[in-house]
């Protein structure tokens, strides 16, 4: 990494309606964290009660933005799919 570039960290805590929903989101999202398309960003996914936690560490801010956008989009898509199937807000 060249001088002048900053690395970055972001933590997203996404509260949902129940621990069961948080666990479903975890199972849907964790495979994406295990096989990253690049080594520039690493993501750890975990659950604390009814909260899904995404911890992203990136070598540069562009990678941090890209990883954040990807993971947040996947979470949003999963939530929308669950709402579509159950008819309930997560």
C-alpha atoms as a PDB file:
ATOM      1  CA  UNK A   1       0.000   0.000   0.000  1.00  0.00           C
ATOM      2  CA  UNK A   2       1.430   3.380  -0.918  1.00  0.00           C
ATOM      3  CA  UNK A   3       1.777   6.337   1.402  1.00  0.00           C
ATOM      4  CA  UNK A   4      -1.166   8.670   1.548  1.00  0.00           C
ATOM      5  CA  UNK A   5      -3.787   5.939   1.569  1.00  0.00           C
ATOM      6  CA  UNK A   6      -5.655   5.323   4.791  1.00  0.00           C
ATOM      7  CA  UNK A   7      -7.006   2.015   5.929  1.00  0.00           C
ATOM      8  CA  UNK A   8     -10.424   1.895   7.478  1.00  0.00           C
ATOM      9  CA  UNK A   9     -12.698   0.028   9.808  1.00  0.00           C
ATOM     10  CA  UNK A  10     -16.466   0.067  10.063  1.00  0.00           C
ATOM     11  CA  UNK A  11     -18.852  -1.675  12.425  1.00  0.00           C
ATOM     12  CA  UNK A  12     -22.525  -1.967  11.546  1.00  0.00           C
ATOM     13  CA  UNK A  13     -25.025  -3.138  14.149  1.00  0.00           C
ATOM     14  CA  UNK A  14     -28.345  -4.010  12.538  1.00  0.00           C
ATOM     15  CA  UNK A  15     -31.200  -4.513  14.993  1.00  0.00           C
ATOM     16  CA  UNK A  16     -33.973  -6.831  13.839  1.00  0.00           C
ATOM     17  CA  UNK A  17     -37.202  -8.072  15.389  1.00  0.00           C
ATOM     18  CA  UNK A  18     -35.829 -11.250  16.974  1.00  0.00           C
ATOM     19  CA  UNK A  19     -32.753 -13.366  17.581  1.00  0.00           C
ATOM     20  CA  UNK A  20     -34.200 -15.951  15.168  1.00  0.00           C
ATOM     21  CA  UNK A  21     -34.215 -13.392  12.348  1.00  0.00           C
ATOM     22  CA  UNK A  22     -30.684 -12.274  13.238  1.00  0.00           C
ATOM     23  CA  UNK A  23     -29.541 -15.918  13.052  1.00  0.00           C
ATOM     24  CA  UNK A  24     -31.232 -16.373   9.649  1.00  0.00           C
ATOM     25  CA  UNK A  25     -29.477 -13.262   8.343  1.00  0.00           C
ATOM     26  CA  UNK A  26     -26.181 -14.525   9.759  1.00  0.00           C
ATOM     27  CA  UNK A  27     -26.530 -17.878   7.983  1.00  0.00           C
ATOM     28  CA  UNK A  28     -27.352 -16.105   4.725  1.00  0.00           C
ATOM     29  CA  UNK A  29     -24.517 -13.549   4.910  1.00  0.00           C
ATOM     30  CA  UNK A  30     -21.599 -15.383   6.560  1.00  0.00           C
ATOM     31  CA  UNK A  31     -20.615 -17.356   3.414  1.00  0.00           C
ATOM     32  CA  UNK A  32     -19.915 -14.032   1.691  1.00  0.00           C
ATOM     33  CA  UNK A  33     -17.423 -13.150   4.434  1.00  0.00           C
ATOM     34  CA  UNK A  34     -15.555 -16.437   4.055  1.00  0.00           C
ATOM     35  CA  UNK A  35     -14.701 -16.079   0.350  1.00  0.00           C
ATOM     36  CA  UNK A  36     -13.813 -12.493  -0.513  1.00  0.00           C
ATOM     37  CA  UNK A  37     -13.080 -11.465  -4.109  1.00  0.00           C
ATOM     38  CA  UNK A  38     -10.079  -9.470  -2.890  1.00  0.00           C
ATOM     39  CA  UNK A  39      -7.697  -9.359   0.052  1.00  0.00           C
ATOM     40  CA  UNK A  40      -8.207  -5.624   0.427  1.00  0.00           C
ATOM     41  CA  UNK A  41     -11.176  -6.029   2.793  1.00  0.00           C
ATOM     42  CA  UNK A  42     -12.088  -8.586   5.442  1.00  0.00           C
ATOM     43  CA  UNK A  43     -15.498  -8.878   7.049  1.00  0.00           C
ATOM     44  CA  UNK A  44     -16.482 -10.615  10.273  1.00  0.00           C
ATOM     45  CA  UNK A  45     -20.176 -11.396  10.758  1.00  0.00           C
ATOM     46  CA  UNK A  46     -21.649 -12.195  14.170  1.00  0.00           C
ATOM     47  CA  UNK A  47     -24.900 -12.074  16.132  1.00  0.00           C
ATOM     48  CA  UNK A  48     -25.544 -10.484  19.527  1.00  0.00           C
ATOM     49  CA  UNK A  49     -29.082 -11.237  20.597  1.00  0.00           C
ATOM     50  CA  UNK A  50     -31.365  -9.714  17.962  1.00  0.00           C
ATOM     51  CA  UNK A  51     -28.515  -7.703  16.409  1.00  0.00           C
ATOM     52  CA  UNK A  52     -26.526  -8.700  13.329  1.00  0.00           C
ATOM     53  CA  UNK A  53     -23.000  -7.280  13.551  1.00  0.00           C
ATOM     54  CA  UNK A  54     -20.781  -6.621  10.526  1.00  0.00           C
ATOM     55  CA  UNK A  55     -17.159  -5.687  11.242  1.00  0.00           C
ATOM     56  CA  UNK A  56     -15.246  -4.615   8.153  1.00  0.00           C
ATOM     57  CA  UNK A  57     -11.512  -3.896   7.999  1.00  0.00           C
ATOM     58  CA  UNK A  58     -10.098  -2.619   4.730  1.00  0.00           C
ATOM     59  CA  UNK A  59      -6.673  -1.645   3.452  1.00  0.00           C
ATOM     60  CA  UNK A  60      -8.047   1.511   1.834  1.00  0.00           C
ATOM     61  CA  UNK A  61     -11.184   3.608   1.900  1.00  0.00           C
ATOM     62  CA  UNK A  62     -12.318   2.508  -1.557  1.00  0.00           C
ATOM     63  CA  UNK A  63     -12.293  -1.131  -0.435  1.00  0.00           C
ATOM     64  CA  UNK A  64     -14.105  -0.174   2.781  1.00  0.00           C
ATOM     65  CA  UNK A  65     -16.842   1.581   0.797  1.00  0.00           C
ATOM     66  CA  UNK A  66     -17.178  -1.330  -1.629  1.00  0.00           C
ATOM     67  CA  UNK A  67     -17.360  -3.968   1.126  1.00  0.00           C
ATOM     68  CA  UNK A  68     -19.814  -1.857   3.137  1.00  0.00           C
ATOM     69  CA  UNK A  69     -22.081  -1.360   0.123  1.00  0.00           C
ATOM     70  CA  UNK A  70     -21.984  -5.061  -0.746  1.00  0.00           C
ATOM     71  CA  UNK A  71     -22.731  -6.379   2.736  1.00  0.00           C
ATOM     72  CA  UNK A  72     -25.412  -3.798   3.494  1.00  0.00           C
ATOM     73  CA  UNK A  73     -27.076  -4.544   0.151  1.00  0.00           C
ATOM     74  CA  UNK A  74     -27.037  -8.282   0.875  1.00  0.00           C
ATOM     75  CA  UNK A  75     -28.544  -7.736   4.327  1.00  0.00           C
ATOM     76  CA  UNK A  76     -31.209  -5.460   2.868  1.00  0.00           C
ATOM     77  CA  UNK A  77     -32.055  -8.004   0.167  1.00  0.00           C
ATOM     78  CA  UNK A  78     -32.336 -10.819   2.728  1.00  0.00           C
ATOM     79  CA  UNK A  79     -34.595  -8.731   4.959  1.00  0.00           C
ATOM     80  CA  UNK A  80     -36.823  -7.818   2.005  1.00  0.00           C
ATOM     81  CA  UNK A  81     -37.017 -11.483   0.962  1.00  0.00           C
ATOM     82  CA  UNK A  82     -38.008 -12.561   4.487  1.00  0.00           C
ATOM     83  CA  UNK A  83     -40.635  -9.811   4.645  1.00  0.00           C
ATOM     84  CA  UNK A  84     -42.006 -10.895   1.288  1.00  0.00           C
ATOM     85  CA  UNK A  85     -42.350 -14.513   2.417  1.00  0.00           C
ATOM     86  CA  UNK A  86     -43.675 -13.866   5.938  1.00  0.00           C
ATOM     87  CA  UNK A  87     -45.589 -10.640   5.388  1.00  0.00           C
ATOM     88  CA  UNK A  88     -43.999  -9.280   8.568  1.00  0.00           C
ATOM     89  CA  UNK A  89     -41.528  -6.429   9.039  1.00  0.00           C
ATOM     90  CA  UNK A  90     -38.126  -7.536  10.317  1.00  0.00           C
END
